[in-house]
All heavy atoms as atom14 arrays in JSON, in Angstrom:
{
  "sequence": "GKVAARFDVSKGFVQKILKQKQTTGRVQPRKQGGSLKSVLNSRRTKF",
  "atom14_mask": [
    [1, 1, 1, 1, 0, 0, 0, 0, 0, 0, 0, 0, 0, 0],
    [1, 1, 1, 1, 1, 1, 1, 1, 1, 0, 0, 0, 0, 0],
    [1, 1, 1, 1, 1, 1, 1, 0, 0, 0, 0, 0, 0, 0],
    [1, 1, 1, 1, 1, 0, 0, 0, 0, 0, 0, 0, 0, 0],
    [1, 1, 1, 1, 1, 0, 0, 0, 0, 0, 0, 0, 0, 0],
    [1, 1, 1, 1, 1, 1, 1, 1, 1, 1, 1, 0, 0, 0],
    [1, 1, 1, 1, 1, 1, 1, 1, 1, 1, 1, 0, 0, 0],
    [1, 1, 1, 1, 1, 1, 1, 1, 0, 0, 0, 0, 0, 0],
    [1, 1, 1, 1, 1, 1, 1, 0, 0, 0, 0, 0, 0, 0],
    [1, 1, 1, 1, 1, 1, 0, 0, 0, 0, 0, 0, 0, 0],
    [1, 1, 1, 1, 1, 1, 1, 1, 1, 0, 0, 0, 0, 0],
    [1, 1, 1, 1, 0, 0, 0, 0, 0, 0, 0, 0, 0, 0],
    [1, 1, 1, 1, 1, 1, 1, 1, 1, 1, 1, 0, 0, 0],
    [1, 1, 1, 1, 1, 1, 1, 0, 0, 0, 0, 0, 0, 0],
    [1, 1, 1, 1, 1, 1, 1, 1, 1, 0, 0, 0, 0, 0],
    [1, 1, 1, 1, 1, 1, 1, 1, 1, 0, 0, 0, 0, 0],
    [1, 1, 1, 1, 1, 1, 1, 1, 0, 0, 0, 0, 0, 0],
    [1, 1, 1, 1, 1, 1, 1, 1, 0, 0, 0, 0, 0, 0],
    [1, 1, 1, 1, 1, 1, 1, 1, 1, 0, 0, 0, 0, 0],
    [1, 1, 1, 1, 1, 1, 1, 1, 1, 0, 0, 0, 0, 0],
    [1, 1, 1, 1, 1, 1, 1, 1, 1, 0, 0, 0, 0, 0],
    [1, 1, 1, 1, 1, 1, 1, 1, 1, 0, 0, 0, 0, 0],
    [1, 1, 1, 1, 1, 1, 1, 0, 0, 0, 0, 0, 0, 0],
    [1, 1, 1, 1, 1, 1, 1, 0, 0, 0, 0, 0, 0, 0],
    [1, 1, 1, 1, 0, 0, 0, 0, 0, 0, 0, 0, 0, 0],
    [1, 1, 1, 1, 1, 1, 1, 1, 1, 1, 1, 0, 0, 0],
    [1, 1, 1, 1, 1, 1, 1, 0, 0, 0, 0, 0, 0, 0],
    [1, 1, 1, 1, 1, 1, 1, 1, 1, 0, 0, 0, 0, 0],
    [1, 1, 1, 1, 1, 1, 1, 0, 0, 0, 0, 0, 0, 0],
    [1, 1, 1, 1, 1, 1, 1, 1, 1, 1, 1, 0, 0, 0],
    [1, 1, 1, 1, 1, 1, 1, 1, 1, 0, 0, 0, 0, 0],
    [1, 1, 1, 1, 1, 1, 1, 1, 1, 0, 0, 0, 0, 0],
    [1, 1, 1, 1, 0, 0, 0, 0, 0, 0, 0, 0, 0, 0],
    [1, 1, 1, 1, 0, 0, 0, 0, 0, 0, 0, 0, 0, 0],
    [1, 1, 1, 1, 1, 1, 0, 0, 0, 0, 0, 0, 0, 0],
    [1, 1, 1, 1, 1, 1, 1, 1, 0, 0, 0, 0, 0, 0],
    [1, 1, 1, 1, 1, 1, 1, 1, 1, 0, 0, 0, 0, 0],
    [1, 1, 1, 1, 1, 1, 0, 0, 0, 0, 0, 0, 0, 0],
    [1, 1, 1, 1, 1, 1, 1, 0, 0, 0, 0, 0, 0, 0],
    [1, 1, 1, 1, 1, 1, 1, 1, 0, 0, 0, 0, 0, 0],
    [1, 1, 1, 1, 1, 1, 1, 1, 0, 0, 0, 0, 0, 0],
    [1, 1, 1, 1, 1, 1, 0, 0, 0, 0, 0, 0, 0, 0],
    [1, 1, 1, 1, 1, 1, 1, 1, 1, 1, 1, 0, 0, 0],
    [1, 1, 1, 1, 1, 1, 1, 1, 1, 1, 1, 0, 0, 0],
    [1, 1, 1, 1, 1, 1, 1, 0, 0, 0, 0, 0, 0, 0],
    [1, 1, 1, 1, 1, 1, 1, 1, 1, 0, 0, 0, 0, 0],
    [1, 1, 1, 1, 1, 1, 1, 1, 1, 1, 1, 0, 0, 0]
  ],
  "atom14_positions": [
    [[-33.08, -1.21, -27.44], [-33.85, -2.49, -27.32], [-32.99, -3.65, -27.87], [-32.93, -4.72, -27.24], [0.0, 0.0, 0.0], [0.0, 0.0, 0.0], [0.0, 0.0, 0.0], [0.0, 0.0, 0.0], [0.0, 0.0, 0.0], [0.0, 0.0, 0.0], [0.0, 0.0, 0.0], [0.0, 0.0, 0.0], [0.0, 0.0, 0.0], [0.0, 0.0, 0.0]],
    [[-32.31, -3.46, -28.94], [-31.5, -4.56, -29.54], [-30.3, -4.78, -28.7], [-29.85, -5.93, -28.51], [-31.12, -4.17, -31.0], [-32.22, -4.32, -31.97], [-31.74, -4.02, -33.38], [-32.91, -4.19, -34.37], [-32.42, -4.04, -35.73], [0.0, 0.0, 0.0], [0.0, 0.0, 0.0], [0.0, 0.0, 0.0], [0.0, 0.0, 0.0], [0.0, 0.0, 0.0]],
    [[-29.66, -3.72, -28.2], [-28.47, -3.88, -27.35], [-28.84, -4.59, -26.06], [-28.14, -5.48, -25.61], [-27.81, -2.5, -27.1], [-26.67, -2.64, -26.07], [-27.35, -1.87, -28.37], [0.0, 0.0, 0.0], [0.0, 0.0, 0.0], [0.0, 0.0, 0.0], [0.0, 0.0, 0.0], [0.0, 0.0, 0.0], [0.0, 0.0, 0.0], [0.0, 0.0, 0.0]],
    [[-29.96, -4.21, -25.48], [-30.42, -4.83, -24.28], [-30.67, -6.33, -24.43], [-30.3, -7.12, -23.59], [-31.69, -4.14, -23.76], [0.0, 0.0, 0.0], [0.0, 0.0, 0.0], [0.0, 0.0, 0.0], [0.0, 0.0, 0.0], [0.0, 0.0, 0.0], [0.0, 0.0, 0.0], [0.0, 0.0, 0.0], [0.0, 0.0, 0.0], [0.0, 0.0, 0.0]],
    [[-31.28, -6.64, -25.53], [-31.55, -8.13, -25.8], [-30.19, -8.87, -26.01], [-30.08, -9.94, -25.53], [-32.47, -8.27, -27.02], [0.0, 0.0, 0.0], [0.0, 0.0, 0.0], [0.0, 0.0, 0.0], [0.0, 0.0, 0.0], [0.0, 0.0, 0.0], [0.0, 0.0, 0.0], [0.0, 0.0, 0.0], [0.0, 0.0, 0.0], [0.0, 0.0, 0.0]],
    [[-29.26, -8.24, -26.69], [-28.02, -8.8, -26.99], [-27.26, -9.19, -25.74], [-26.62, -10.25, -25.56], [-27.19, -7.94, -27.88], [-25.72, -8.27, -28.06], [-25.56, -9.28, -29.14], [-24.15, -9.4, -29.53], [-23.31, -10.3, -29.04], [-23.71, -11.16, -28.22], [-22.07, -10.34, -29.45], [0.0, 0.0, 0.0], [0.0, 0.0, 0.0], [0.0, 0.0, 0.0]],
    [[-27.25, -8.28, -24.71], [-26.5, -8.48, -23.47], [-27.39, -8.89, -22.32], [-26.93, -8.94, -21.16], [-25.75, -7.2, -23.15], [-24.62, -6.85, -24.14], [-24.85, -5.95, -25.13], [-23.48, -7.54, -24.08], [-23.88, -5.65, -26.09], [-22.44, -7.27, -25.02], [-22.66, -6.33, -26.03], [0.0, 0.0, 0.0], [0.0, 0.0, 0.0], [0.0, 0.0, 0.0]],
    [[-28.63, -9.15, -22.58], [-29.54, -9.64, -21.58], [-29.65, -8.66, -20.35], [-29.5, -9.1, -19.22], [-29.21, -11.08, -21.09], [-30.35, -11.73, -20.35], [-31.51, -11.34, -20.59], [-30.05, -12.56, -19.49], [0.0, 0.0, 0.0], [0.0, 0.0, 0.0], [0.0, 0.0, 0.0], [0.0, 0.0, 0.0], [0.0, 0.0, 0.0], [0.0, 0.0, 0.0]],
    [[-29.78, -7.39, -20.67], [-30.0, -6.37, -19.66], [-31.26, -5.58, -20.01], [-31.84, -5.74, -21.13], [-28.81, -5.4, -19.54], [-27.58, -6.13, -19.06], [-28.52, -4.71, -20.88], [0.0, 0.0, 0.0], [0.0, 0.0, 0.0], [0.0, 0.0, 0.0], [0.0, 0.0, 0.0], [0.0, 0.0, 0.0], [0.0, 0.0, 0.0], [0.0, 0.0, 0.0]],
    [[-31.73, -4.72, -19.1], [-32.93, -3.99, -19.39], [-32.62, -2.82, -20.4], [-31.52, -2.37, -20.48], [-33.55, -3.39, -18.14], [-32.69, -2.34, -17.61], [0.0, 0.0, 0.0], [0.0, 0.0, 0.0], [0.0, 0.0, 0.0], [0.0, 0.0, 0.0], [0.0, 0.0, 0.0], [0.0, 0.0, 0.0], [0.0, 0.0, 0.0], [0.0, 0.0, 0.0]],
    [[-33.67, -2.44, -21.04], [-33.58, -1.29, -22.03], [-33.27, -0.03, -21.25], [-32.47, 0.79, -21.75], [-34.9, -1.14, -22.78], [-34.91, -0.09, -23.85], [-36.28, -0.03, -24.54], [-36.34, 1.15, -25.48], [-37.66, 1.25, -26.05], [0.0, 0.0, 0.0], [0.0, 0.0, 0.0], [0.0, 0.0, 0.0], [0.0, 0.0, 0.0], [0.0, 0.0, 0.0]],
    [[-33.82, 0.16, -20.08], [-33.52, 1.31, -19.26], [-32.02, 1.44, -18.84], [-31.48, 2.5, -18.8], [0.0, 0.0, 0.0], [0.0, 0.0, 0.0], [0.0, 0.0, 0.0], [0.0, 0.0, 0.0], [0.0, 0.0, 0.0], [0.0, 0.0, 0.0], [0.0, 0.0, 0.0], [0.0, 0.0, 0.0], [0.0, 0.0, 0.0], [0.0, 0.0, 0.0]],
    [[-31.4, 0.26, -18.62], [-29.99, 0.26, -18.29], [-29.15, 0.71, -19.44], [-28.26, 1.55, -19.29], [-29.55, -1.17, -17.83], [-28.11, -1.25, -17.61], [-27.54, -0.69, -16.44], [-27.25, -1.89, -18.46], [-26.15, -0.75, -16.23], [-25.88, -1.96, -18.26], [-25.31, -1.43, -17.13], [0.0, 0.0, 0.0], [0.0, 0.0, 0.0], [0.0, 0.0, 0.0]],
    [[-29.54, 0.25, -20.66], [-28.8, 0.67, -21.85], [-28.97, 2.19, -22.07], [-28.03, 2.94, -22.37], [-29.26, -0.14, -23.1], [-28.58, 0.41, -24.37], [-28.93, -1.57, -22.97], [0.0, 0.0, 0.0], [0.0, 0.0, 0.0], [0.0, 0.0, 0.0], [0.0, 0.0, 0.0], [0.0, 0.0, 0.0], [0.0, 0.0, 0.0], [0.0, 0.0, 0.0]],
    [[-30.23, 2.68, -21.87], [-30.48, 4.1, -22.03], [-29.67, 4.88, -21.03], [-29.15, 5.99, -21.37], [-31.94, 4.38, -21.9], [-32.77, 3.85, -23.06], [-34.27, 3.94, -22.82], [-34.72, 3.94, -21.7], [-35.01, 3.95, -23.92], [0.0, 0.0, 0.0], [0.0, 0.0, 0.0], [0.0, 0.0, 0.0], [0.0, 0.0, 0.0], [0.0, 0.0, 0.0]],
    [[-29.58, 4.46, -19.8], [-28.8, 5.06, -18.76], [-27.32, 5.18, -19.16], [-26.69, 6.24, -19.02], [-28.93, 4.33, -17.45], [-28.12, 4.91, -16.3], [-28.3, 4.05, -15.05], [-27.2, 4.31, -14.06], [-27.19, 3.41, -12.96], [0.0, 0.0, 0.0], [0.0, 0.0, 0.0], [0.0, 0.0, 0.0], [0.0, 0.0, 0.0], [0.0, 0.0, 0.0]],
    [[-26.77, 4.1, -19.67], [-25.36, 4.07, -20.08], [-25.14, 5.0, -21.29], [-24.16, 5.76, -21.35], [-24.88, 2.62, -20.45], [-24.97, 1.76, -19.24], [-23.51, 2.6, -21.06], [-24.03, 2.18, -18.08], [0.0, 0.0, 0.0], [0.0, 0.0, 0.0], [0.0, 0.0, 0.0], [0.0, 0.0, 0.0], [0.0, 0.0, 0.0], [0.0, 0.0, 0.0]],
    [[-26.06, 5.02, -22.26], [-25.95, 5.93, -23.41], [-25.96, 7.38, -22.95], [-25.22, 8.21, -23.44], [-27.0, 5.63, -24.41], [-26.85, 4.32, -25.21], [-28.07, 4.06, -26.01], [-25.6, 4.29, -26.01], [0.0, 0.0, 0.0], [0.0, 0.0, 0.0], [0.0, 0.0, 0.0], [0.0, 0.0, 0.0], [0.0, 0.0, 0.0], [0.0, 0.0, 0.0]],
    [[-26.88, 7.68, -22.03], [-26.96, 9.09, -21.52], [-25.69, 9.46, -20.8], [-25.19, 10.57, -20.92], [-28.19, 9.24, -20.6], [-28.41, 10.61, -20.11], [-29.68, 10.75, -19.34], [-29.89, 12.21, -18.92], [-31.14, 12.4, -18.14], [0.0, 0.0, 0.0], [0.0, 0.0, 0.0], [0.0, 0.0, 0.0], [0.0, 0.0, 0.0], [0.0, 0.0, 0.0]],
    [[-25.12, 8.55, -19.98], [-23.9, 8.77, -19.28], [-22.77, 9.06, -20.27], [-21.91, 9.94, -20.09], [-23.59, 7.65, -18.38], [-22.35, 7.84, -17.56], [-21.99, 6.65, -16.61], [-22.91, 5.86, -16.33], [-20.79, 6.57, -16.17], [0.0, 0.0, 0.0], [0.0, 0.0, 0.0], [0.0, 0.0, 0.0], [0.0, 0.0, 0.0], [0.0, 0.0, 0.0]],
    [[-22.73, 8.28, -21.39], [-21.71, 8.51, -22.42], [-21.81, 9.87, -23.03], [-20.84, 10.52, -23.29], [-21.82, 7.4, -23.41], [-20.93, 7.55, -24.69], [-19.5, 7.34, -24.3], [-18.67, 7.34, -25.57], [-17.24, 7.39, -25.33], [0.0, 0.0, 0.0], [0.0, 0.0, 0.0], [0.0, 0.0, 0.0], [0.0, 0.0, 0.0], [0.0, 0.0, 0.0]],
    [[-23.09, 10.32, -23.28], [-23.34, 11.65, -23.84], [-22.86, 12.77, -22.92], [-22.34, 13.74, -23.35], [-24.79, 11.83, -24.23], [-25.27, 11.14, -25.45], [-26.7, 11.41, -25.7], [-27.5, 11.65, -24.78], [-27.12, 11.37, -26.94], [0.0, 0.0, 0.0], [0.0, 0.0, 0.0], [0.0, 0.0, 0.0], [0.0, 0.0, 0.0], [0.0, 0.0, 0.0]],
    [[-23.21, 12.65, -21.65], [-22.97, 13.74, -20.74], [-21.51, 13.79, -20.2], [-20.95, 14.89, -20.06], [-23.93, 13.64, -19.48], [-23.79, 12.41, -18.88], [-25.38, 13.88, -19.87], [0.0, 0.0, 0.0], [0.0, 0.0, 0.0], [0.0, 0.0, 0.0], [0.0, 0.0, 0.0], [0.0, 0.0, 0.0], [0.0, 0.0, 0.0], [0.0, 0.0, 0.0]],
    [[-20.92, 12.6, -19.94], [-19.58, 12.57, -19.36], [-18.52, 12.21, -20.37], [-17.32, 12.46, -20.12], [-19.51, 11.62, -18.14], [-19.68, 10.3, -18.64], [-20.53, 12.0, -17.1], [0.0, 0.0, 0.0], [0.0, 0.0, 0.0], [0.0, 0.0, 0.0], [0.0, 0.0, 0.0], [0.0, 0.0, 0.0], [0.0, 0.0, 0.0], [0.0, 0.0, 0.0]],
    [[-18.93, 11.54, -21.46], [-17.94, 11.09, -22.43], [-17.34, 9.75, -22.06], [-16.46, 9.26, -22.72], [0.0, 0.0, 0.0], [0.0, 0.0, 0.0], [0.0, 0.0, 0.0], [0.0, 0.0, 0.0], [0.0, 0.0, 0.0], [0.0, 0.0, 0.0], [0.0, 0.0, 0.0], [0.0, 0.0, 0.0], [0.0, 0.0, 0.0], [0.0, 0.0, 0.0]],
    [[-17.81, 9.19, -20.96], [-17.23, 7.89, -20.52], [-18.4, 6.93, -20.12], [-19.5, 7.44, -19.78], [-16.33, 8.05, -19.3], [-15.17, 8.93, -19.55], [-14.17, 8.92, -18.41], [-14.63, 9.92, -17.41], [-14.15, 10.02, -16.22], [-13.23, 9.15, -15.79], [-14.58, 10.87, -15.37], [0.0, 0.0, 0.0], [0.0, 0.0, 0.0], [0.0, 0.0, 0.0]],
    [[-18.11, 5.71, -20.02], [-19.08, 4.7, -19.54], [-18.5, 3.94, -18.35], [-18.92, 2.77, -18.08], [-19.58, 3.73, -20.64], [-20.5, 4.44, -21.61], [-18.43, 3.05, -21.33], [0.0, 0.0, 0.0], [0.0, 0.0, 0.0], [0.0, 0.0, 0.0], [0.0, 0.0, 0.0], [0.0, 0.0, 0.0], [0.0, 0.0, 0.0], [0.0, 0.0, 0.0]],
    [[-17.53, 4.5, -17.69], [-16.97, 3.87, -16.48], [-17.98, 3.91, -15.33], [-18.81, 4.86, -15.26], [-15.71, 4.59, -16.05], [-14.55, 4.38, -17.09], [-13.36, 5.27, -16.64], [-13.48, 6.24, -16.0], [-12.18, 4.76, -17.04], [0.0, 0.0, 0.0], [0.0, 0.0, 0.0], [0.0, 0.0, 0.0], [0.0, 0.0, 0.0], [0.0, 0.0, 0.0]],
    [[-17.93, 2.95, -14.41], [-18.9, 2.95, -13.3], [-18.72, 4.25, -12.48], [-17.6, 4.75, -12.29], [-18.46, 1.75, -12.51], [-17.7, 0.9, -13.37], [-17.09, 1.84, -14.4], [0.0, 0.0, 0.0], [0.0, 0.0, 0.0], [0.0, 0.0, 0.0], [0.0, 0.0, 0.0], [0.0, 0.0, 0.0], [0.0, 0.0, 0.0], [0.0, 0.0, 0.0]],
    [[-19.79, 4.75, -12.0], [-19.8, 5.93, -11.12], [-19.4, 5.49, -9.72], [-19.51, 4.34, -9.37], [-21.14, 6.6, -11.11], [-21.55, 7.2, -12.43], [-22.89, 7.88, -12.27], [-23.36, 8.37, -13.52], [-24.56, 8.93, -13.71], [-25.38, 9.0, -12.67], [-24.9, 9.44, -14.86], [0.0, 0.0, 0.0], [0.0, 0.0, 0.0], [0.0, 0.0, 0.0]],
    [[-18.96, 6.49, -9.0], [-18.65, 6.21, -7.56], [-19.88, 5.86, -6.84], [-20.93, 6.46, -6.95], [-18.02, 7.48, -6.95], [-17.62, 7.35, -5.52], [-17.01, 8.6, -4.94], [-16.68, 8.4, -3.48], [-16.28, 9.66, -2.88], [0.0, 0.0, 0.0], [0.0, 0.0, 0.0], [0.0, 0.0, 0.0], [0.0, 0.0, 0.0], [0.0, 0.0, 0.0]],
    [[-19.79, 4.8, -6.01], [-20.95, 4.42, -5.23], [-21.11, 5.28, -4.01], [-20.11, 5.8, -3.49], [-20.8, 2.95, -4.77], [-20.92, 2.01, -5.94], [-20.86, 0.52, -5.48], [-20.43, 0.25, -4.37], [-21.26, -0.34, -6.31], [0.0, 0.0, 0.0], [0.0, 0.0, 0.0], [0.0, 0.0, 0.0], [0.0, 0.0, 0.0], [0.0, 0.0, 0.0]],
    [[-22.38, 5.46, -3.6], [-22.65, 6.28, -2.43], [-22.12, 5.67, -1.13], [-22.05, 4.44, -1.01], [0.0, 0.0, 0.0], [0.0, 0.0, 0.0], [0.0, 0.0, 0.0], [0.0, 0.0, 0.0], [0.0, 0.0, 0.0], [0.0, 0.0, 0.0], [0.0, 0.0, 0.0], [0.0, 0.0, 0.0], [0.0, 0.0, 0.0], [0.0, 0.0, 0.0]],
    [[-21.84, 6.49, -0.14], [-21.36, 5.99, 1.14], [-22.54, 5.68, 2.07], [-23.72, 5.96, 1.7], [0.0, 0.0, 0.0], [0.0, 0.0, 0.0], [0.0, 0.0, 0.0], [0.0, 0.0, 0.0], [0.0, 0.0, 0.0], [0.0, 0.0, 0.0], [0.0, 0.0, 0.0], [0.0, 0.0, 0.0], [0.0, 0.0, 0.0], [0.0, 0.0, 0.0]],
    [[-22.23, 5.22, 3.21], [-23.32, 4.94, 4.16], [-23.68, 6.21, 4.89], [-22.89, 7.1, 5.04], [-22.81, 3.86, 5.17], [-21.72, 4.42, 5.89], [0.0, 0.0, 0.0], [0.0, 0.0, 0.0], [0.0, 0.0, 0.0], [0.0, 0.0, 0.0], [0.0, 0.0, 0.0], [0.0, 0.0, 0.0], [0.0, 0.0, 0.0], [0.0, 0.0, 0.0]],
    [[-24.97, 6.23, 5.3], [-25.43, 7.36, 6.07], [-25.02, 7.28, 7.5], [-25.08, 6.21, 8.11], [-26.98, 7.43, 5.96], [-27.6, 7.63, 4.59], [-29.11, 7.55, 4.64], [-27.16, 8.95, 4.02], [0.0, 0.0, 0.0], [0.0, 0.0, 0.0], [0.0, 0.0, 0.0], [0.0, 0.0, 0.0], [0.0, 0.0, 0.0], [0.0, 0.0, 0.0]],
    [[-24.63, 8.39, 8.04], [-24.25, 8.43, 9.43], [-25.49, 8.62, 10.31], [-26.38, 9.28, 9.99], [-23.24, 9.58, 9.67], [-21.93, 9.37, 8.97], [-20.94, 10.44, 9.31], [-19.67, 10.18, 8.53], [-18.7, 11.23, 8.75], [0.0, 0.0, 0.0], [0.0, 0.0, 0.0], [0.0, 0.0, 0.0], [0.0, 0.0, 0.0], [0.0, 0.0, 0.0]],
    [[-25.5, 7.98, 11.45], [-26.64, 8.07, 12.36], [-26.7, 9.44, 12.97], [-25.73, 10.09, 13.31], [-26.45, 7.0, 13.48], [-27.5, 7.21, 14.47], [0.0, 0.0, 0.0], [0.0, 0.0, 0.0], [0.0, 0.0, 0.0], [0.0, 0.0, 0.0], [0.0, 0.0, 0.0], [0.0, 0.0, 0.0], [0.0, 0.0, 0.0], [0.0, 0.0, 0.0]],
    [[-27.96, 9.86, 13.06], [-28.2, 11.19, 13.73], [-27.88, 11.1, 15.14], [-27.54, 12.07, 15.85], [-29.66, 11.57, 13.49], [-30.01, 12.89, 14.17], [-30.04, 11.66, 12.03], [0.0, 0.0, 0.0], [0.0, 0.0, 0.0], [0.0, 0.0, 0.0], [0.0, 0.0, 0.0], [0.0, 0.0, 0.0], [0.0, 0.0, 0.0], [0.0, 0.0, 0.0]],
    [[-28.0, 9.93, 15.78], [-27.82, 9.78, 17.19], [-26.34, 9.74, 17.63], [-26.03, 9.92, 18.8], [-28.45, 8.44, 17.69], [-29.96, 8.34, 17.45], [-30.48, 6.99, 17.89], [-30.72, 9.47, 18.11], [0.0, 0.0, 0.0], [0.0, 0.0, 0.0], [0.0, 0.0, 0.0], [0.0, 0.0, 0.0], [0.0, 0.0, 0.0], [0.0, 0.0, 0.0]],
    [[-25.38, 9.56, 16.69], [-24.01, 9.5, 17.09], [-23.51, 10.74, 17.79], [-22.67, 10.58, 18.73], [-23.16, 9.22, 15.81], [-23.07, 7.77, 15.45], [-23.4, 6.91, 16.2], [-22.66, 7.52, 14.22], [0.0, 0.0, 0.0], [0.0, 0.0, 0.0], [0.0, 0.0, 0.0], [0.0, 0.0, 0.0], [0.0, 0.0, 0.0], [0.0, 0.0, 0.0]],
    [[-23.98, 11.88, 17.39], [-23.52, 13.15, 18.03], [-24.06, 13.23, 19.44], [-23.53, 14.03, 20.25], [-23.97, 14.34, 17.22], [-25.38, 14.4, 17.17], [0.0, 0.0, 0.0], [0.0, 0.0, 0.0], [0.0, 0.0, 0.0], [0.0, 0.0, 0.0], [0.0, 0.0, 0.0], [0.0, 0.0, 0.0], [0.0, 0.0, 0.0], [0.0, 0.0, 0.0]],
    [[-25.13, 12.49, 19.77], [-25.68, 12.58, 21.13], [-25.47, 11.33, 21.95], [-26.15, 11.09, 22.93], [-27.18, 12.91, 21.03], [-27.4, 14.25, 20.36], [-28.82, 14.67, 20.45], [-28.97, 16.06, 20.04], [-29.67, 16.39, 18.94], [-30.25, 15.5, 18.2], [-29.75, 17.66, 18.6], [0.0, 0.0, 0.0], [0.0, 0.0, 0.0], [0.0, 0.0, 0.0]],
    [[-24.58, 10.47, 21.55], [-24.35, 9.17, 22.2], [-24.0, 9.38, 23.7], [-24.5, 8.66, 24.55], [-23.23, 8.43, 21.49], [-22.96, 7.06, 22.06], [-21.81, 6.37, 21.35], [-22.13, 6.26, 19.9], [-22.55, 5.11, 19.32], [-22.68, 4.02, 20.04], [-22.8, 5.11, 18.06], [0.0, 0.0, 0.0], [0.0, 0.0, 0.0], [0.0, 0.0, 0.0]],
    [[-23.14, 10.32, 24.02], [-22.7, 10.52, 25.43], [-23.91, 10.93, 26.26], [-24.08, 10.43, 27.33], [-21.62, 11.58, 25.49], [-20.52, 11.21, 24.58], [-21.09, 11.77, 26.86], [0.0, 0.0, 0.0], [0.0, 0.0, 0.0], [0.0, 0.0, 0.0], [0.0, 0.0, 0.0], [0.0, 0.0, 0.0], [0.0, 0.0, 0.0], [0.0, 0.0, 0.0]],
    [[-24.72, 11.84, 25.66], [-25.89, 12.27, 26.48], [-26.86, 11.17, 26.76], [-27.34, 11.01, 27.84], [-26.6, 13.4, 25.67], [-27.83, 13.96, 26.33], [-28.47, 15.02, 25.49], [-29.75, 15.54, 26.09], [-30.41, 16.56, 25.3], [0.0, 0.0, 0.0], [0.0, 0.0, 0.0], [0.0, 0.0, 0.0], [0.0, 0.0, 0.0], [0.0, 0.0, 0.0]],
    [[-27.11, 10.31, 25.73], [-28.0, 9.12, 25.91], [-27.44, 8.14, 26.87], [-28.18, 7.62, 27.73], [-28.31, 8.48, 24.58], [-29.21, 9.28, 23.66], [-28.96, 9.37, 22.32], [-30.32, 9.96, 24.17], [-29.72, 10.13, 21.48], [-31.12, 10.7, 23.31], [-30.84, 10.75, 21.96], [0.0, 0.0, 0.0], [0.0, 0.0, 0.0], [0.0, 0.0, 0.0]]
  ]
}
């Protein structure tokens, strides 16, 4: 709560970062997810 107020972020965000530090040992940003591929791409020729 104090850290969140100090940096003007949510308490949940601080908890998430602390948990990440405990589990991975780092607080570097995680890899972002990629875009989902369309289900229709495989059937484009048929359509």
